[in-house]
Each structure stands twice: as structure tokens, then as C-alpha cells.
PDB file of N, CA and C in Angstrom:
ATOM      1  N   MET A   1       0.810  -1.188   0.000  1.00  0.00           N
ATOM      2  CA  MET A   1       0.000   0.000   0.000  1.00  0.00           C
ATOM      3  C   MET A   1       0.861   1.262   0.000  1.00  0.00           C
ATOM      4  N   ARG A   2       1.984   1.224   0.758  1.00  0.00           N
ATOM      5  CA  ARG A   2       2.854   2.398   0.783  1.00  0.00           C
ATOM      6  C   ARG A   2       3.443   2.661  -0.595  1.00  0.00           C
ATOM      7  N   PHE A   3       3.809   1.590  -1.305  1.00  0.00           N
ATOM      8  CA  PHE A   3       4.378   1.766  -2.636  1.00  0.00           C
ATOM      9  C   PHE A   3       3.356   2.382  -3.580  1.00  0.00           C
ATOM     10  N   LYS A   4       2.130   1.908  -3.529  1.00  0.00           N
ATOM     11  CA  LYS A   4       1.085   2.446  -4.386  1.00  0.00           C
ATOM     12  C   LYS A   4       0.855   3.926  -4.079  1.00  0.00           C
ATOM     13  N   SER A   5       0.892   4.291  -2.816  1.00  0.00           N
ATOM     14  CA  SER A   5       0.741   5.697  -2.427  1.00  0.00           C
ATOM     15  C   SER A   5       1.916   6.525  -2.945  1.00  0.00           C
ATOM     16  N   ALA A   6       3.125   5.977  -2.829  1.00  0.00           N
ATOM     17  CA  ALA A   6       4.306   6.688  -3.325  1.00  0.00           C
ATOM     18  C   ALA A   6       4.227   6.855  -4.842  1.00  0.00           C
ATOM     19  N   TRP A   7       3.750   5.817  -5.536  1.00  0.00           N
ATOM     20  CA  TRP A   7       3.571   5.907  -6.991  1.00  0.00           C
ATOM     21  C   TRP A   7       2.608   7.050  -7.318  1.00  0.00           C
ATOM     22  N   ALA A   8       1.488   7.117  -6.627  1.00  0.00           N
ATOM     23  CA  ALA A   8       0.495   8.155  -6.885  1.00  0.00           C
ATOM     24  C   ALA A   8       1.074   9.547  -6.657  1.00  0.00           C
ATOM     25  N   GLU A   9       1.899   9.701  -5.629  1.00  0.00           N
ATOM     26  CA  GLU A   9       2.499  11.007  -5.362  1.00  0.00           C
ATOM     27  C   GLU A   9       3.426  11.442  -6.489  1.00  0.00           C
ATOM     28  N   VAL A  10       4.158  10.506  -7.075  1.00  0.00           N
ATOM     29  CA  VAL A  10       5.137  10.837  -8.105  1.00  0.00           C
ATOM     30  C   VAL A  10       4.535  10.851  -9.505  1.00  0.00           C
ATOM     31  N   HIS A  11       3.658   9.891  -9.806  1.00  0.00           N
ATOM     32  CA  HIS A  11       3.176   9.695 -11.175  1.00  0.00           C
ATOM     33  C   HIS A  11       1.689   9.968 -11.390  1.00  0.00           C
ATOM     34  N   GLY A  12       0.976  10.312 -10.340  1.00  0.00           N
ATOM     35  CA  GLY A  12      -0.462  10.507 -10.498  1.00  0.00           C
ATOM     36  C   GLY A  12      -1.206   9.227 -10.187  1.00  0.00           C
ATOM     37  N   GLU A  13      -2.210   8.936 -10.968  1.00  0.00           N
ATOM     38  CA  GLU A  13      -3.057   7.778 -10.698  1.00  0.00           C
ATOM     39  C   GLU A  13      -2.243   6.497 -10.534  1.00  0.00           C
ATOM     40  N   ALA A  14      -2.613   5.719  -9.531  1.00  0.00           N
ATOM     41  CA  ALA A  14      -1.891   4.471  -9.254  1.00  0.00           C
ATOM     42  C   ALA A  14      -2.858   3.303  -9.302  1.00  0.00           C
ATOM     43  N   ASN A  15      -3.071   2.776 -10.496  1.00  0.00           N
ATOM     44  CA  ASN A  15      -3.860   1.549 -10.611  1.00  0.00           C
ATOM     45  C   ASN A  15      -2.975   0.495 -11.243  1.00  0.00           C
ATOM     46  N   ALA A  16      -3.198  -0.740 -10.860  1.00  0.00           N
ATOM     47  CA  ALA A  16      -2.303  -1.830 -11.256  1.00  0.00           C
ATOM     48  C   ALA A  16      -2.123  -1.944 -12.770  1.00  0.00           C
ATOM     49  N   PRO A  17      -3.186  -1.891 -13.587  1.00  0.00           N
ATOM     50  CA  PRO A  17      -2.962  -2.016 -15.034  1.00  0.00           C
ATOM     51  C   PRO A  17      -2.067  -0.913 -15.598  1.00  0.00           C
ATOM     52  N   GLU A  18      -2.257   0.324 -15.150  1.00  0.00           N
ATOM     53  CA  GLU A  18      -1.434   1.426 -15.647  1.00  0.00           C
ATOM     54  C   GLU A  18       0.009   1.297 -15.154  1.00  0.00           C
ATOM     55  N   MET A  19       0.192   0.937 -13.905  1.00  0.00           N
ATOM     56  CA  MET A  19       1.534   0.745 -13.362  1.00  0.00           C
ATOM     57  C   MET A  19       2.254  -0.359 -14.137  1.00  0.00           C
ATOM     58  N   ASP A  20       1.578  -1.477 -14.361  1.00  0.00           N
ATOM     59  CA  ASP A  20       2.163  -2.602 -15.080  1.00  0.00           C
ATOM     60  C   ASP A  20       2.522  -2.211 -16.505  1.00  0.00           C
ATOM     61  N   ARG A  21       1.637  -1.487 -17.181  1.00  0.00           N
ATOM     62  CA  ARG A  21       1.898  -1.059 -18.564  1.00  0.00           C
ATOM     63  C   ARG A  21       3.153  -0.196 -18.625  1.00  0.00           C
ATOM     64  N   ARG A  22       3.244   0.774 -17.722  1.00  0.00           N
ATOM     65  CA  ARG A  22       4.403   1.676 -17.744  1.00  0.00           C
ATOM     66  C   ARG A  22       5.698   0.923 -17.450  1.00  0.00           C
ATOM     67  N   LEU A  23       5.681   0.065 -16.439  1.00  0.00           N
ATOM     68  CA  LEU A  23       6.888  -0.686 -16.091  1.00  0.00           C
ATOM     69  C   LEU A  23       7.294  -1.639 -17.206  1.00  0.00           C
ATOM     70  N   HIS A  24       6.324  -2.289 -17.822  1.00  0.00           N
ATOM     71  CA  HIS A  24       6.611  -3.208 -18.926  1.00  0.00           C
ATOM     72  C   HIS A  24       7.277  -2.457 -20.081  1.00  0.00           C
ATOM     73  N   THR A  25       6.736  -1.289 -20.418  1.00  0.00           N
ATOM     74  CA  THR A  25       7.293  -0.471 -21.492  1.00  0.00           C
ATOM     75  C   THR A  25       8.725  -0.057 -21.169  1.00  0.00           C
ATOM     76  N   GLU A  26       8.963   0.368 -19.928  1.00  0.00           N
ATOM     77  CA  GLU A  26      10.306   0.805 -19.548  1.00  0.00           C
ATOM     78  C   GLU A  26      11.300  -0.352 -19.496  1.00  0.00           C
ATOM     79  N   ARG A  27      10.840  -1.521 -19.114  1.00  0.00           N
ATOM     80  CA  ARG A  27      11.743  -2.682 -19.071  1.00  0.00           C
ATOM     81  C   ARG A  27      12.180  -3.107 -20.476  1.00  0.00           C
ATOM     82  N   LEU A  28      11.280  -3.003 -21.444  1.00  0.00           N
ATOM     83  CA  LEU A  28      11.569  -3.456 -22.802  1.00  0.00           C
ATOM     84  C   LEU A  28      12.188  -2.377 -23.677  1.00  0.00           C
ATOM     85  N   GLY A  29      12.004  -1.117 -23.314  1.00  0.00           N
ATOM     86  CA  GLY A  29      12.478  -0.013 -24.137  1.00  0.00           C
ATOM     87  C   GLY A  29      13.973   0.201 -24.007  1.00  0.00           C
ATOM     88  N   PRO A  30      14.498   1.186 -24.723  1.00  0.00           N
ATOM     89  CA  PRO A  30      15.922   1.489 -24.619  1.00  0.00           C
ATOM     90  C   PRO A  30      16.276   1.945 -23.201  1.00  0.00           C
ATOM     91  N   ARG A  31      17.448   1.595 -22.769  1.00  0.00           N
ATOM     92  CA  ARG A  31      17.913   1.948 -21.427  1.00  0.00           C
ATOM     93  C   ARG A  31      18.473   3.366 -21.437  1.00  0.00           C
ATOM     94  N   PRO A  32      17.935   4.254 -20.595  1.00  0.00           N
ATOM     95  CA  PRO A  32      18.496   5.609 -20.558  1.00  0.00           C
ATOM     96  C   PRO A  32      19.896   5.597 -19.951  1.00  0.00           C
ATOM     97  N   GLN A  33      20.748   6.463 -20.445  1.00  0.00           N
ATOM     98  CA  GLN A  33      22.076   6.653 -19.878  1.00  0.00           C
ATOM     99  C   GLN A  33      21.948   7.641 -18.724  1.00  0.00           C
ATOM    100  N   VAL A  34      22.519   7.312 -17.584  1.00  0.00           N
ATOM    101  CA  VAL A  34      22.410   8.171 -16.408  1.00  0.00           C
ATOM    102  C   VAL A  34      23.770   8.316 -15.734  1.00  0.00           C
ATOM    103  N   ASP A  35      23.885   9.356 -14.941  1.00  0.00           N
ATOM    104  CA  ASP A  35      25.045   9.518 -14.074  1.00  0.00           C
ATOM    105  C   ASP A  35      24.732   8.718 -12.820  1.00  0.00           C
ATOM    106  N   PRO A  36      25.443   7.638 -12.553  1.00  0.00           N
ATOM    107  CA  PRO A  36      25.082   6.782 -11.426  1.00  0.00           C
ATOM    108  C   PRO A  36      25.145   7.487 -10.076  1.00  0.00           C
ATOM    109  N   ARG A  37      25.918   8.567  -9.989  1.00  0.00           N
ATOM    110  CA  ARG A  37      26.038   9.294  -8.721  1.00  0.00           C
ATOM    111  C   ARG A  37      24.748  10.012  -8.352  1.00  0.00           C
ATOM    112  N   THR A  38      23.814  10.120  -9.305  1.00  0.00           N
ATOM    113  CA  THR A  38      22.542  10.795  -9.032  1.00  0.00           C
ATOM    114  C   THR A  38      21.448   9.815  -8.603  1.00  0.00           C
ATOM    115  N   LEU A  39      21.755   8.538  -8.583  1.00  0.00           N
ATOM    116  CA  LEU A  39      20.734   7.518  -8.321  1.00  0.00           C
ATOM    117  C   LEU A  39      20.586   7.222  -6.830  1.00  0.00           C
ATOM    118  N   PRO A  40      19.378   6.841  -6.413  1.00  0.00           N
ATOM    119  CA  PRO A  40      19.184   6.436  -5.021  1.00  0.00           C
ATOM    120  C   PRO A  40      19.787   5.060  -4.758  1.00  0.00           C
ATOM    121  N   ASP A  41      20.101   4.798  -3.511  1.00  0.00           N
ATOM    122  CA  ASP A  41      20.570   3.470  -3.126  1.00  0.00           C
ATOM    123  C   ASP A  41      19.556   2.426  -3.577  1.00  0.00           C
ATOM    124  N   GLY A  42      20.058   1.321  -4.107  1.00  0.00           N
ATOM    125  CA  GLY A  42      19.193   0.223  -4.519  1.00  0.00           C
ATOM    126  C   GLY A  42      18.889   0.193  -6.006  1.00  0.00           C
ATOM    127  N   ALA A  43      19.136   1.289  -6.724  1.00  0.00           N
ATOM    128  CA  ALA A  43      18.931   1.289  -8.172  1.00  0.00           C
ATOM    129  C   ALA A  43      20.033   0.457  -8.825  1.00  0.00           C
ATOM    130  N   PHE A  44      19.721  -0.146  -9.966  1.00  0.00           N
ATOM    131  CA  PHE A  44      20.685  -0.966 -10.683  1.00  0.00           C
ATOM    132  C   PHE A  44      21.059  -0.329 -12.013  1.00  0.00           C
ATOM    133  N   VAL A  45      22.345  -0.421 -12.340  1.00  0.00           N
ATOM    134  CA  VAL A  45      22.873   0.001 -13.631  1.00  0.00           C
ATOM    135  C   VAL A  45      23.690  -1.154 -14.179  1.00  0.00           C
ATOM    136  N   GLY A  46      23.939  -1.141 -15.494  1.00  0.00           N
ATOM    137  CA  GLY A  46      24.757  -2.212 -16.011  1.00  0.00           C
ATOM    138  C   GLY A  46      24.908  -2.183 -17.511  1.00  0.00           C
ATOM    139  N   ASP A  47      25.880  -2.949 -17.949  1.00  0.00           N
ATOM    140  CA  ASP A  47      26.155  -3.104 -19.371  1.00  0.00           C
ATOM    141  C   ASP A  47      26.808  -4.477 -19.569  1.00  0.00           C
ATOM    142  N   ALA A  48      27.471  -4.666 -20.677  1.00  0.00           N
ATOM    143  CA  ALA A  48      28.076  -5.968 -20.969  1.00  0.00           C
ATOM    144  C   ALA A  48      29.154  -6.352 -19.950  1.00  0.00           C
ATOM    145  N   ARG A  49      29.710  -5.379 -19.239  1.00  0.00           N
ATOM    146  CA  ARG A  49      30.758  -5.671 -18.254  1.00  0.00           C
ATOM    147  C   ARG A  49      30.200  -6.179 -16.936  1.00  0.00           C
ATOM    148  N   GLY A  50      28.924  -5.863 -16.635  1.00  0.00           N
ATOM    149  CA  GLY A  50      28.352  -6.314 -15.380  1.00  0.00           C
ATOM    150  C   GLY A  50      27.139  -5.503 -14.960  1.00  0.00           C
ATOM    151  N   THR A  51      26.624  -5.848 -13.796  1.00  0.00           N
ATOM    152  CA  THR A  51      25.469  -5.179 -13.205  1.00  0.00           C
ATOM    153  C   THR A  51      25.866  -4.705 -11.813  1.00  0.00           C
ATOM    154  N   TRP A  52      25.574  -3.450 -11.531  1.00  0.00           N
ATOM    155  CA  TRP A  52      25.940  -2.856 -10.247  1.00  0.00           C
ATOM    156  C   TRP A  52      24.707  -2.338  -9.526  1.00  0.00           C
ATOM    157  N   ARG A  53      24.673  -2.553  -8.213  1.00  0.00           N
ATOM    158  CA  ARG A  53      23.636  -1.967  -7.349  1.00  0.00           C
ATOM    159  C   ARG A  53      24.255  -0.730  -6.722  1.00  0.00           C
ATOM    160  N   MET A  54      23.544   0.380  -6.822  1.00  0.00           N
ATOM    161  CA  MET A  54      24.070   1.639  -6.302  1.00  0.00           C
ATOM    162  C   MET A  54      23.924   1.695  -4.790  1.00  0.00           C
ATOM    163  N   GLU A  55      24.982   2.192  -4.168  1.00  0.00           N
ATOM    164  CA  GLU A  55      25.004   2.351  -2.718  1.00  0.00           C
ATOM    165  C   GLU A  55      25.914   3.534  -2.399  1.00  0.00           C
ATOM    166  N   LYS A  56      25.332   4.580  -1.829  1.00  0.00           N
ATOM    167  CA  LYS A  56      26.093   5.774  -1.442  1.00  0.00           C
ATOM    168  C   LYS A  56      26.926   6.322  -2.594  1.00  0.00           C
ATOM    169  N   ARG A  57      26.280   6.443  -3.767  1.00  0.00           N
ATOM    170  CA  ARG A  57      26.863   7.034  -4.970  1.00  0.00           C
ATOM    171  C   ARG A  57      27.957   6.184  -5.623  1.00  0.00           C
ATOM    172  N   ARG A  58      28.085   4.927  -5.187  1.00  0.00           N
ATOM    173  CA  ARG A  58      29.067   4.011  -5.764  1.00  0.00           C
ATOM    174  C   ARG A  58      28.357   2.721  -6.156  1.00  0.00           C
ATOM    175  N   GLY A  59      28.965   1.973  -7.078  1.00  0.00           N
ATOM    176  CA  GLY A  59      28.361   0.736  -7.537  1.00  0.00           C
ATOM    177  C   GLY A  59      28.994  -0.482  -6.889  1.00  0.00           C
ATOM    178  N   ARG A  60      28.142  -1.450  -6.564  1.00  0.00           N
ATOM    179  CA  ARG A  60      28.636  -2.737  -6.040  1.00  0.00           C
ATOM    180  C   ARG A  60      28.284  -3.791  -7.065  1.00  0.00           C
ATOM    181  N   LEU A  61      29.328  -4.397  -7.654  1.00  0.00           N
ATOM    182  CA  LEU A  61      29.154  -5.388  -8.714  1.00  0.00           C
ATOM    183  C   LEU A  61      28.368  -6.584  -8.189  1.00  0.00           C
ATOM    184  N   TRP A  62      27.307  -6.959  -8.934  1.00  0.00           N
ATOM    185  CA  TRP A  62      26.495  -8.112  -8.569  1.00  0.00           C
ATOM    186  C   TRP A  62      27.142  -9.375  -9.115  1.00  0.00           C
ATOM    187  N   SER A  63      27.066 -10.457  -8.343  1.00  0.00           N
ATOM    188  CA  SER A  63      27.425 -11.794  -8.825  1.00  0.00           C
ATOM    189  C   SER A  63      26.557 -12.798  -8.071  1.00  0.00           C
ATOM    190  N   TRP A  64      26.569 -14.035  -8.504  1.00  0.00           N
ATOM    191  CA  TRP A  64      25.813 -15.079  -7.817  1.00  0.00           C
ATOM    192  C   TRP A  64      26.316 -15.276  -6.390  1.00  0.00           C
ATOM    193  N   ASP A  65      27.530 -14.848  -6.136  1.00  0.00           N
ATOM    194  CA  ASP A  65      28.126 -14.998  -4.804  1.00  0.00           C
ATOM    195  C   ASP A  65      27.887 -13.790  -3.906  1.00  0.00           C
ATOM    196  N   GLY A  66      27.213 -12.774  -4.409  1.00  0.00           N
ATOM    197  CA  GLY A  66      26.952 -11.574  -3.616  1.00  0.00           C
ATOM    198  C   GLY A  66      27.450 -10.333  -4.330  1.00  0.00           C
ATOM    199  N   TYR A  67      27.581  -9.253  -3.581  1.00  0.00           N
ATOM    200  CA  TYR A  67      28.003  -7.974  -4.137  1.00  0.00           C
ATOM    201  C   TYR A  67      29.468  -7.711  -3.831  1.00  0.00           C
ATOM    202  N   GLY A  68      30.143  -7.078  -4.794  1.00  0.00           N
ATOM    203  CA  GLY A  68      31.536  -6.720  -4.624  1.00  0.00           C
ATOM    204  C   GLY A  68      31.688  -5.450  -3.800  1.00  0.00           C
ATOM    205  N   GLU A  69      32.925  -5.036  -3.671  1.00  0.00           N
ATOM    206  CA  GLU A  69      33.244  -3.807  -2.945  1.00  0.00           C
ATOM    207  C   GLU A  69      32.722  -2.594  -3.725  1.00  0.00           C
ATOM    208  N   PRO A  70      32.357  -1.512  -3.027  1.00  0.00           N
ATOM    209  CA  PRO A  70      31.898  -0.306  -3.719  1.00  0.00           C
ATOM    210  C   PRO A  70      32.973   0.263  -4.648  1.00  0.00           C
ATOM    211  N   LEU A  71      32.556   0.634  -5.860  1.00  0.00           N
ATOM    212  CA  LEU A  71      33.461   1.185  -6.868  1.00  0.00           C
ATOM    213  C   LEU A  71      32.884   2.468  -7.447  1.00  0.00           C
ATOM    214  N   ASP A  72      33.757   3.376  -7.869  1.00  0.00           N
ATOM    215  CA  ASP A  72      33.316   4.525  -8.644  1.00  0.00           C
ATOM    216  C   ASP A  72      33.041   4.035 -10.055  1.00  0.00           C
ATOM    217  N   LEU A  73      31.925   4.454 -10.617  1.00  0.00           N
ATOM    218  CA  LEU A  73      31.539   4.044 -11.966  1.00  0.00           C
ATOM    219  C   LEU A  73      31.714   5.212 -12.932  1.00  0.00           C
ATOM    220  N   PRO A  74      31.742   4.934 -14.243  1.00  0.00           N
ATOM    221  CA  PRO A  74      31.810   6.020 -15.220  1.00  0.00           C
ATOM    222  C   PRO A  74      30.632   6.984 -15.032  1.00  0.00           C
ATOM    223  N   SER A  75      30.740   8.179 -15.562  1.00  0.00           N
ATOM    224  CA  SER A  75      29.705   9.198 -15.360  1.00  0.00           C
ATOM    225  C   SER A  75      28.455   8.969 -16.201  1.00  0.00           C
ATOM    226  N   SER A  76      28.465   7.978 -17.070  1.00  0.00           N
ATOM    227  CA  SER A  76      27.284   7.656 -17.870  1.00  0.00           C
ATOM    228  C   SER A  76      27.208   6.139 -18.045  1.00  0.00           C
ATOM    229  N   VAL A  77      26.144   5.564 -17.506  1.00  0.00           N
ATOM    230  CA  VAL A  77      25.933   4.116 -17.590  1.00  0.00           C
ATOM    231  C   VAL A  77      24.461   3.849 -17.879  1.00  0.00           C
ATOM    232  N   PRO A  78      24.129   2.698 -18.480  1.00  0.00           N
ATOM    233  CA  PRO A  78      22.730   2.360 -18.734  1.00  0.00           C
ATOM    234  C   PRO A  78      21.989   2.048 -17.423  1.00  0.00           C
ATOM    235  N   LEU A  79      20.830   2.635 -17.268  1.00  0.00           N
ATOM    236  CA  LEU A  79      19.969   2.385 -16.115  1.00  0.00           C
ATOM    237  C   LEU A  79      19.187   1.110 -16.352  1.00  0.00           C
ATOM    238  N   LEU A  80      19.234   0.178 -15.407  1.00  0.00           N
ATOM    239  CA  LEU A  80      18.480  -1.071 -15.531  1.00  0.00           C
ATOM    240  C   LEU A  80      17.154  -1.021 -14.779  1.00  0.00           C
ATOM    241  N   THR A  81      17.127  -0.374 -13.633  1.00  0.00           N
ATOM    242  CA  THR A  81      15.878  -0.223 -12.885  1.00  0.00           C
ATOM    243  C   THR A  81      14.968   0.705 -13.679  1.00  0.00           C
ATOM    244  N   PRO A  82      13.698   0.339 -13.885  1.00  0.00           N
ATOM    245  CA  PRO A  82      12.811   1.242 -14.617  1.00  0.00           C
ATOM    246  C   PRO A  82      12.801   2.641 -13.991  1.00  0.00           C
ATOM    247  N   LEU A  83      12.847   3.660 -14.844  1.00  0.00           N
ATOM    248  CA  LEU A  83      12.907   5.042 -14.378  1.00  0.00           C
ATOM    249  C   LEU A  83      11.735   5.376 -13.452  1.00  0.00           C
ATOM    250  N   ALA A  84      10.554   4.844 -13.724  1.00  0.00           N
ATOM    251  CA  ALA A  84       9.394   5.103 -12.862  1.00  0.00           C
ATOM    252  C   ALA A  84       9.664   4.644 -11.433  1.00  0.00           C
ATOM    253  N   ILE A  85      10.391   3.557 -11.276  1.00  0.00           N
ATOM    254  CA  ILE A  85      10.747   3.050  -9.947  1.00  0.00           C
ATOM    255  C   ILE A  85      11.813   3.935  -9.314  1.00  0.00           C
ATOM    256  N   VAL A  86      12.824   4.319 -10.087  1.00  0.00           N
ATOM    257  CA  VAL A  86      13.893   5.181  -9.564  1.00  0.00           C
ATOM    258  C   VAL A  86      13.306   6.480  -9.029  1.00  0.00           C
ATOM    259  N   GLN A  87      12.362   7.063  -9.754  1.00  0.00           N
ATOM    260  CA  GLN A  87      11.750   8.317  -9.315  1.00  0.00           C
ATOM    261  C   GLN A  87      11.039   8.146  -7.973  1.00  0.00           C
ATOM    262  N   ILE A  88      10.449   7.004  -7.749  1.00  0.00           N
ATOM    263  CA  ILE A  88       9.791   6.725  -6.469  1.00  0.00           C
ATOM    264  C   ILE A  88      10.822   6.456  -5.381  1.00  0.00           C
ATOM    265  N   MET A  89      11.878   5.731  -5.718  1.00  0.00           N
ATOM    266  CA  MET A  89      12.900   5.366  -4.735  1.00  0.00           C
ATOM    267  C   MET A  89      13.576   6.582  -4.109  1.00  0.00           C
ATOM    268  N   LYS A  90      13.580   7.692  -4.793  1.00  0.00           N
ATOM    269  CA  LYS A  90      14.252   8.878  -4.262  1.00  0.00           C
ATOM    270  C   LYS A  90      13.616   9.369  -2.966  1.00  0.00           C
ATOM    271  N   GLY A  91      12.363   9.011  -2.711  1.00  0.00           N
ATOM    272  CA  GLY A  91      11.730   9.426  -1.472  1.00  0.00           C
ATOM    273  C   GLY A  91      11.134   8.290  -0.663  1.00  0.00           C
ATOM    274  N   TYR A  92      11.108   7.103  -1.229  1.00  0.00           N
ATOM    275  CA  TYR A  92      10.455   5.945  -0.617  1.00  0.00           C
ATOM    276  C   TYR A  92      11.483   5.012  -0.021  1.00  0.00           C
ATOM    277  N   ARG A  93      11.261   4.534   1.165  1.00  0.00           N
ATOM    278  CA  ARG A  93      12.137   3.552   1.774  1.00  0.00           C
ATOM    279  C   ARG A  93      11.305   2.334   2.134  1.00  0.00           C
ATOM    280  N   PRO A  94      11.630   1.173   1.563  1.00  0.00           N
ATOM    281  CA  PRO A  94      10.855  -0.037   1.878  1.00  0.00           C
ATOM    282  C   PRO A  94      11.046  -0.457   3.313  1.00  0.00           C
ATOM    283  N   HIS A  95      10.115  -1.235   3.795  1.00  0.00           N
ATOM    284  CA  HIS A  95      10.185  -1.789   5.140  1.00  0.00           C
ATOM    285  C   HIS A  95      11.405  -2.704   5.225  1.00  0.00           C
ATOM    286  N   GLU A  96      12.205  -2.558   6.267  1.00  0.00           N
ATOM    287  CA  GLU A  96      13.422  -3.361   6.370  1.00  0.00           C
ATOM    288  C   GLU A  96      13.293  -4.512   7.345  1.00  0.00           C
ATOM    289  N   GLY A  97      12.175  -4.613   8.028  1.00  0.00           N
ATOM    290  CA  GLY A  97      11.986  -5.704   8.991  1.00  0.00           C
ATOM    291  C   GLY A  97      11.513  -6.968   8.316  1.00  0.00           C
ATOM    292  N   ARG A  98      11.313  -7.979   9.120  1.00  0.00           N
ATOM    293  CA  ARG A  98      10.815  -9.255   8.591  1.00  0.00           C
ATOM    294  C   ARG A  98       9.337  -9.155   8.292  1.00  0.00           C
ATOM    295  N   LEU A  99       8.916  -9.950   7.324  1.00  0.00           N
ATOM    296  CA  LEU A  99       7.487 -10.019   6.993  1.00  0.00           C
ATOM    297  C   LEU A  99       6.820 -11.078   7.830  1.00  0.00           C
TER     298      LEU A  99
END
């Protein structure tokens, strides 16, 4: 419910079909180039060299064994997380406790 409310604050109407349509389009469309230092923690960027999760303006390389040490990334990288989600993440913090 909190996510749906956050979506409505950033994007307007928050109904599941519209949210799904927008996310589907962004996942399949061209990846925007972004400065990774502007992204919120938890956003993902990546290219043929790898996939990084952003943390405190640095990227942590993803692997099946976990995340690598934080690294400075180039100033322009492809965004993997849909932009609609990134815009929400800038003010939204998911619940960190157990479900």
C-alpha cells in the first residue's frame, strides 16, 4: 500500500494495469544513460561488463556470490531499474523488517 501511495504522489493515478503497462514499457524499451552518482541506493545500472547496485553514490558489482566492494563508476551508464521506480525510490524507503 505504501508503494502504491508513493507511486500516486510521483506519477499521479496508481492503478495496477497502468503501473504494469508503464513498467513493462520501460523494461523493454531502450535503457536511458544516467550519471550513477545521481541515483538512489538500490537502483541498478549495467552493461556488458556487469550489473551494479548503487550504494552511497558508488556501484557494487552483482554476482551469484553476492556484491563486490563499492566502486566509482563512469559518469554515464545504462539504467536497468525502470525510471518510474527510480523516481519513487528517491523518497520511498521499503520496510526493512521481517514479513
